């Protein structure tokens, strides 16, 4: 664990969350996949926890981000 944290600057769990959120960021660029389906597909417990983490990381909720892309 210490070596992982030194190498990547975070815990394995935080690293996995970061990867999931980055993938979600790109999946949201498509209107075809509903937000709750993206959350499930990426292994989040539910759409609410996914939305909360997305907001903490990017400063907007997934639906807000998606709307801004297609406005």
Protein backbone atom coordinates (compact mmCIF):
# COMPACT_ATOMS: atom_id res chain seq x y z
CA UNK A 1 0.00 0.00 0.00
CA UNK A 2 2.78 2.43 0.87
CA UNK A 3 4.57 1.82 -2.41
CA UNK A 4 1.33 2.30 -4.35
CA UNK A 5 0.64 5.57 -2.54
CA UNK A 6 4.17 6.82 -3.17
CA UNK A 7 3.95 5.88 -6.84
CA UNK A 8 0.44 7.17 -7.59
CA UNK A 9 -0.10 9.73 -4.83
CA UNK A 10 -3.29 8.10 -3.54
CA UNK A 11 -4.69 4.86 -2.19
CA UNK A 12 -5.69 2.05 -4.59
CA UNK A 13 -9.36 2.82 -3.89
CA UNK A 14 -8.90 6.52 -4.70
CA UNK A 15 -7.00 5.58 -7.85
CA UNK A 16 -9.81 3.28 -8.97
CA UNK A 17 -12.38 6.02 -8.29
CA UNK A 18 -10.33 8.45 -10.35
CA UNK A 19 -10.21 6.02 -13.28
CA UNK A 20 -13.96 5.40 -13.07
CA UNK A 21 -14.72 9.12 -13.01
CA UNK A 22 -12.45 9.79 -15.96
CA UNK A 23 -14.22 7.06 -17.92
CA UNK A 24 -17.59 8.51 -16.90
CA UNK A 25 -16.44 11.92 -18.12
CA UNK A 26 -15.92 10.50 -21.60
CA UNK A 27 -19.08 8.33 -21.56
CA UNK A 28 -21.22 11.36 -20.76
CA UNK A 29 -20.27 12.84 -24.12
CA UNK A 30 -22.79 10.45 -25.64
CA UNK A 31 -26.50 11.09 -25.15
CA UNK A 32 -27.28 7.43 -25.74
CA UNK A 33 -26.33 6.02 -22.33
CA UNK A 34 -28.43 7.22 -19.36
CA UNK A 35 -26.51 8.58 -16.37
CA UNK A 36 -27.76 5.86 -14.05
CA UNK A 37 -26.60 3.22 -16.55
CA UNK A 38 -23.15 4.80 -16.68
CA UNK A 39 -22.97 4.64 -12.88
CA UNK A 40 -23.88 0.96 -12.86
CA UNK A 41 -21.60 0.13 -15.79
CA UNK A 42 -18.61 1.69 -14.01
CA UNK A 43 -19.28 -0.13 -10.75
CA UNK A 44 -20.68 2.65 -8.60
CA UNK A 45 -23.04 1.63 -5.83
CA UNK A 46 -25.81 3.83 -7.21
CA UNK A 47 -26.40 6.91 -9.35
CA UNK A 48 -26.51 9.19 -6.30
CA UNK A 49 -23.04 8.27 -5.07
CA UNK A 50 -21.74 8.54 -8.63
CA UNK A 51 -23.25 12.01 -9.04
CA UNK A 52 -21.83 13.19 -5.72
CA UNK A 53 -18.31 12.01 -6.56
CA UNK A 54 -18.53 13.43 -10.09
CA UNK A 55 -19.53 16.81 -8.63
CA UNK A 56 -16.65 16.73 -6.12
CA UNK A 57 -14.16 15.95 -8.88
CA UNK A 58 -15.42 18.15 -11.74
CA UNK A 59 -17.60 20.83 -10.08
CA UNK A 60 -20.79 19.87 -11.92
CA UNK A 61 -23.25 17.02 -11.70
CA UNK A 62 -23.20 14.51 -14.57
CA UNK A 63 -26.48 15.78 -15.99
CA UNK A 64 -25.25 19.39 -15.82
CA UNK A 65 -22.03 18.44 -17.57
CA UNK A 66 -23.91 16.56 -20.28
CA UNK A 67 -26.34 19.47 -20.82
CA UNK A 68 -23.43 21.89 -21.18
CA UNK A 69 -21.99 19.75 -23.97
CA UNK A 70 -25.16 19.82 -26.03
CA UNK A 71 -26.39 23.34 -25.27
